[in-house]
Amino acid sequence: MIARYTRPQMGQLWSEEAVLGRWLQVELAVVDALSERGVVPAEAARALRAKARVDPARVRAIEAEVRHDVIAFVSAVAETVGDEGRWLHLGLTSSDVLDTAFALGLCQAADLLLGGLDRLRAAVRALALRHRRTPMIGRTHGVHAEPITFGLKCAGWYAELGRNRSRLRAARAEVAHAKLSGAVGVFGTGDPAVEAAVCARLGLTPEPISTQVVPRDRHAVFFATLAVLGGALERIATEIRHLQRTEVGEVFEPFGRGQKGSSAMPHKRNPWMAENVCGLARLLRGYAGAALENIALWHERDITHSSVERVIAPDATQVADFMLARMTEIIEGLEVHPEAMARNLAQLGGAVFSEHVLLALVQRGVPRDQAYRWVQRHALAGGDLGAALAADPDVSRHLGPEELRTLFDMDHHLRHIDHLFARALDEGDGDGAA
């Protein structure tokens, strides 16, 4: 991923040094497990743990000759330890190291993403509670529908982000599987007990049945989960973009002192951060598609998945990490304009309460289609709907002035907000920290 969309901690996790470091972590865990079983001398295991180092430049130099990354890695590490180097990679095939280390990397990335997601959820939750009773118009098809509150809209985001947290935790568990079962998964030169011991050291689970690799359905679930998370962030960002439109003006993403919105038009204040999130969500969907293509490999393994994962693993996790941070920045600095919400809510002269009048007429015995037409002819004409209906003899025969007024009561319309909040916050809090 380009530097523009890479945050330091996630970027470091996928650096060459970090990747090779995880390979070494796996190799040394195997040496320790073999030492406990008397296969590797204890002195050799201690020496390897104390002296083994990875020099990325040396690995690259050897790989240029041997054209095999794991062989180059093992050779480079062996050079740093002397005679004890012969105990490295004992009974392993390359994918034993690669897939086990890949699981470590994806778990570490998932932990960073979960932390970022929790920070965003906390910001969204606070925004929801702050505007629990800030009325605004709800829109369907981009058109005014009925009143809601801005806090309720945010509470819906919070609930969705909670579901995404649950999915991400499950996806982490899905990819936290390793294999040390050899060239075709039957432990021809290894021992399931060693695999179990190494996995316990590394916080991973042995893959029940592997081939030369861990089955890639696990990884497809992980990257698909990131794509769904990206969709949730895109949904929030899209809403903010719409609400910031000039003719709406209900919320505005942060705009710093000295910031400029357009190289040509000094008056512009664009929702560029939200647009950025929407664009990056497309990348996450693309990475998920590539991960799905990786599931079907020939027989016990080919390497068509390998080149794909070298790209999508760092890129997808870095993009998701950046999107979470950007959306948190937007939410924490969001400018909310309740006066604009009130102005837009009043724009249709009370027509947003038309359903209340319709149902009241039906309850008075008016056929639904007839009641609908009576209300519709005034609602579409514009002006003060309440006054127009009070002056309509068809309507006034069934609904008196006082009853009509109660049908335009905002508090009555929003009387279940607290109940909805309780449900949304309960779902959003579902699997852990708020």
Foldseek 3Di string as FASTA:
>chain_A
DDPVLFDPVLVVCLDPQNLLVLLLLLQLLLLVLCCVVVNQPPVLSVLLVPFFDFDVVQLVVVCVPVVDNVVSRLVRRCVRRDPSSVSTQQLFDPQLSNLQSVLLSLLVLLVLLLVLLLLLLVLLLVVLVVFLPLKFFDDDPNHGAAIDIPSLVSLLLLLLSLVLSVLSVVLNLLSLEGERQHQFFPVPPHDVVSVCSSSVVSVGHYQPGATNHRALVSVLSNLVSLLVVLVSLLVVLVVQQVCCPPVRNFKAFDDDVVRADDPVDRVDRHSVLSVVSNVLSVVSVVLSVLSVVPRDAPDNHDCPNPVSCSPSVSVSSSNSSSSSVSSSNRSNRMGGDSVSRVVNNPQQQLLSLLVLLLVQVVVLPDPSVVSCVLQVVQSVVGDHSLVVQQPDVVNCVRDPSVRSVVSSDPCVVHVCSVVSSVVSVCSSCPPHDD
